[in-house]
C-alpha atoms as a PDB file:
ATOM      1  CA  MET A   1     110.583 -28.456  -6.851  1.00  0.00           C
ATOM      2  CA  ASN A   2     109.725 -24.821  -6.150  1.00  0.00           C
ATOM      3  CA  LEU A   3     105.984 -25.652  -6.140  1.00  0.00           C
ATOM      4  CA  ILE A   4     106.483 -28.451  -3.573  1.00  0.00           C
ATOM      5  CA  PHE A   5     108.475 -26.107  -1.332  1.00  0.00           C
ATOM      6  CA  SER A   6     105.686 -23.451  -1.532  1.00  0.00           C
ATOM      7  CA  ILE A   7     102.970 -25.991  -0.710  1.00  0.00           C
ATOM      8  CA  ARG A   8     104.974 -27.326   2.234  1.00  0.00           C
ATOM      9  CA  ARG A   9     105.539 -23.795   3.566  1.00  0.00           C
ATOM     10  CA  LEU A  10     101.822 -22.985   3.199  1.00  0.00           C
ATOM     11  CA  THR A  11     100.921 -26.187   5.057  1.00  0.00           C
ATOM     12  CA  VAL A  12     103.229 -25.274   7.943  1.00  0.00           C
ATOM     13  CA  LEU A  13     101.758 -21.776   8.088  1.00  0.00           C
ATOM     14  CA  VAL A  14      98.174 -23.076   8.167  1.00  0.00           C
ATOM     15  CA  ALA A  15      99.079 -25.605  10.883  1.00  0.00           C
ATOM     16  CA  ALA A  16     100.737 -22.891  12.998  1.00  0.00           C
ATOM     17  CA  LEU A  17      97.706 -20.613  12.683  1.00  0.00           C
ATOM     18  CA  GLY A  18      95.418 -23.503  13.611  1.00  0.00           C
ATOM     19  CA  LEU A  19      97.389 -24.204  16.768  1.00  0.00           C
ATOM     20  CA  PHE A  20      97.356 -20.521  17.677  1.00  0.00           C
ATOM     21  CA  PHE A  21      93.568 -20.237  17.335  1.00  0.00           C
ATOM     22  CA  LEU A  22      92.987 -23.494  19.231  1.00  0.00           C
ATOM     23  CA  GLN A  23      94.923 -22.103  22.181  1.00  0.00           C
ATOM     24  CA  THR A  24      93.102 -18.749  22.248  1.00  0.00           C
ATOM     25  CA  ALA A  25      89.561 -20.174  21.907  1.00  0.00           C
ATOM     26  CA  PRO A  26      89.372 -21.461  25.521  1.00  0.00           C
ATOM     27  CA  LEU A  27      90.463 -18.039  26.798  1.00  0.00           C
ATOM     28  CA  ALA A  28      87.528 -16.372  25.063  1.00  0.00           C
ATOM     29  CA  ALA A  29      85.090 -19.052  26.233  1.00  0.00           C
ATOM     30  CA  ALA A  30      86.303 -18.809  29.842  1.00  0.00           C
ATOM     31  CA  LEU A  31      85.573 -15.111  30.173  1.00  0.00           C
ATOM     32  CA  TYR A  32      82.857 -15.836  32.730  1.00  0.00           C
ATOM     33  CA  GLU A  33      83.450 -19.246  34.237  1.00  0.00           C
ATOM     34  CA  GLU A  34      80.477 -20.956  35.811  1.00  0.00           C
ATOM     35  CA  ASP A  35      80.169 -20.616  39.568  1.00  0.00           C
ATOM     36  CA  VAL A  36      83.557 -18.932  39.994  1.00  0.00           C
ATOM     37  CA  SER A  37      84.702 -15.575  41.343  1.00  0.00           C
ATOM     38  CA  THR A  38      88.087 -14.301  40.215  1.00  0.00           C
ATOM     39  CA  GLY A  39      90.273 -11.257  40.744  1.00  0.00           C
ATOM     40  CA  GLU A  40      88.518  -9.567  37.821  1.00  0.00           C
ATOM     41  CA  TYR A  41      84.888 -10.257  38.738  1.00  0.00           C
ATOM     42  CA  LEU A  42      82.648 -11.794  41.385  1.00  0.00           C
ATOM     43  CA  TYR A  43      79.931 -14.391  40.854  1.00  0.00           C
ATOM     44  CA  LEU A  44      76.671 -15.051  42.643  1.00  0.00           C
ATOM     45  CA  LYS A  45      73.457 -16.953  42.118  1.00  0.00           C
ATOM     46  CA  GLY A  46      70.152 -16.044  43.639  1.00  0.00           C
ATOM     47  CA  MET A  47      66.528 -15.048  43.290  1.00  0.00           C
ATOM     48  CA  VAL A  48      65.387 -11.749  41.800  1.00  0.00           C
ATOM     49  CA  ARG A  49      63.684  -9.665  44.480  1.00  0.00           C
ATOM     50  CA  LYS A  50      63.312  -6.365  42.625  1.00  0.00           C
ATOM     51  CA  VAL A  51      63.842  -5.065  39.093  1.00  0.00           C
ATOM     52  CA  SER A  52      64.025  -1.308  38.563  1.00  0.00           C
ATOM     53  CA  ALA A  53      63.942  -0.136  34.961  1.00  0.00           C
ATOM     54  CA  THR A  54      64.278   3.508  36.055  1.00  0.00           C
ATOM     55  CA  ASP A  55      67.384   2.852  38.193  1.00  0.00           C
ATOM     56  CA  LYS A  56      68.648   0.161  35.787  1.00  0.00           C
ATOM     57  CA  SER A  57      69.237  -2.237  38.665  1.00  0.00           C
ATOM     58  CA  VAL A  58      68.364  -5.689  39.964  1.00  0.00           C
ATOM     59  CA  VAL A  59      68.182  -6.706  43.619  1.00  0.00           C
ATOM     60  CA  LEU A  60      69.224 -10.319  44.122  1.00  0.00           C
ATOM     61  CA  GLU A  61      68.662 -12.452  47.232  1.00  0.00           C
ATOM     62  CA  GLN A  62      71.208 -15.191  47.821  1.00  0.00           C
ATOM     63  CA  VAL A  63      70.386 -18.469  49.560  1.00  0.00           C
ATOM     64  CA  LYS A  64      73.052 -17.680  52.157  1.00  0.00           C
ATOM     65  CA  GLY A  65      74.149 -14.098  52.358  1.00  0.00           C
ATOM     66  CA  PRO A  66      72.831 -10.577  52.012  1.00  0.00           C
ATOM     67  CA  ARG A  67      70.750  -9.065  49.249  1.00  0.00           C
ATOM     68  CA  VAL A  68      72.907  -7.557  46.522  1.00  0.00           C
ATOM     69  CA  THR A  69      72.010  -4.728  44.152  1.00  0.00           C
ATOM     70  CA  ILE A  70      73.496  -4.950  40.658  1.00  0.00           C
ATOM     71  CA  ARG A  71      73.714  -1.943  38.301  1.00  0.00           C
ATOM     72  CA  VAL A  72      72.852  -2.768  34.700  1.00  0.00           C
ATOM     73  CA  THR A  73      74.461  -0.756  31.901  1.00  0.00           C
ATOM     74  CA  PRO A  74      74.285  -1.017  28.107  1.00  0.00           C
ATOM     75  CA  ASP A  75      77.535  -3.032  28.344  1.00  0.00           C
ATOM     76  CA  THR A  76      75.977  -5.648  30.647  1.00  0.00           C
ATOM     77  CA  GLU A  77      75.613  -8.930  28.782  1.00  0.00           C
ATOM     78  CA  LEU A  78      72.070 -10.326  29.138  1.00  0.00           C
ATOM     79  CA  GLU A  79      71.557 -14.029  28.422  1.00  0.00           C
ATOM     80  CA  GLY A  80      68.167 -15.719  28.550  1.00  0.00           C
ATOM     81  CA  ILE A  81      66.381 -12.357  28.524  1.00  0.00           C
ATOM     82  CA  GLY A  82      65.969  -9.699  25.867  1.00  0.00           C
ATOM     83  CA  LYS A  83      66.077  -6.691  28.155  1.00  0.00           C
ATOM     84  CA  LEU A  84      66.181  -5.886  31.866  1.00  0.00           C
ATOM     85  CA  GLU A  85      62.399  -5.442  32.048  1.00  0.00           C
ATOM     86  CA  ASP A  86      61.946  -9.109  31.051  1.00  0.00           C
ATOM     87  CA  LEU A  87      63.260 -10.208  34.461  1.00  0.00           C
ATOM     88  CA  GLN A  88      60.563 -10.978  37.010  1.00  0.00           C
ATOM     89  CA  THR A  89      60.659 -11.415  40.758  1.00  0.00           C
ATOM     90  CA  ARG A  90      61.304 -14.925  42.035  1.00  0.00           C
ATOM     91  CA  GLN A  91      63.305 -15.918  38.934  1.00  0.00           C
ATOM     92  CA  ILE A  92      66.665 -17.574  39.570  1.00  0.00           C
ATOM     93  CA  ILE A  93      69.615 -15.842  37.891  1.00  0.00           C
ATOM     94  CA  LYS A  94      73.384 -15.979  37.857  1.00  0.00           C
ATOM     95  CA  VAL A  95      75.326 -12.714  37.915  1.00  0.00           C
ATOM     96  CA  TRP A  96      78.943 -11.837  37.235  1.00  0.00           C
ATOM     97  CA  TYR A  97      79.778  -8.354  38.509  1.00  0.00           C
ATOM     98  CA  ARG A  98      82.547  -6.004  39.550  1.00  0.00           C
ATOM     99  CA  PRO A  99      82.327  -3.947  42.769  1.00  0.00           C
ATOM    100  CA  GLU A 100      82.952  -0.245  42.074  1.00  0.00           C
ATOM    101  CA  GLN A 101      82.556   3.123  43.810  1.00  0.00           C
ATOM    102  CA  ASP A 102      79.083   3.600  42.277  1.00  0.00           C
ATOM    103  CA  GLY A 103      77.906   0.123  43.248  1.00  0.00           C
ATOM    104  CA  ASN A 104      78.136  -3.361  41.802  1.00  0.00           C
ATOM    105  CA  LEU A 105      78.551  -3.140  38.031  1.00  0.00           C
ATOM    106  CA  GLY A 106      76.806  -6.026  36.269  1.00  0.00           C
ATOM    107  CA  LEU A 107      79.004  -7.693  33.643  1.00  0.00           C
ATOM    108  CA  LYS A 108      76.703 -10.581  32.757  1.00  0.00           C
ATOM    109  CA  ILE A 109      73.238 -11.682  33.880  1.00  0.00           C
ATOM    110  CA  LEU A 110      72.102 -15.199  33.014  1.00  0.00           C
ATOM    111  CA  ARG A 111      68.460 -16.148  33.538  1.00  0.00           C
ATOM    112  CA  LEU A 112      68.181 -19.831  34.310  1.00  0.00           C
ATOM    113  CA  PRO A 113      65.351 -21.816  32.701  1.00  0.00           C
ATOM    114  CA  ASP A 114      62.190 -22.224  34.752  1.00  0.00           C
ATOM    115  CA  VAL A 115      61.889 -25.688  36.239  1.00  0.00           C
ATOM    116  CA  GLY A 116      58.393 -27.083  36.378  1.00  0.00           C
ATOM    117  CA  CYS A 117      56.746 -30.319  37.382  1.00  0.00           C
END
């Protein structure tokens, strides 16, 4: 009887932990939502116009809107590229950033795959 009670309690505990982790997983995955600006960060998509390894920055030209300079720090998440110097002009990228006193702080830069014929 005591063994059955222990197994039942363990089952309830495992089920509760499972539900907890299922609820927190979408929060982690939604850190940078596609094509969305929020109160915590801004989003834009555009073409790379200039990459400066010395200044650690990228200048991005939007389809509609001004050119935007993004500061890249060691904390900036790079996806689709190994390092900042791998970006080339005329590549299409998505950027999530936060405006600050020192400029636009890059949070994540995503290089989109090249589309060819």
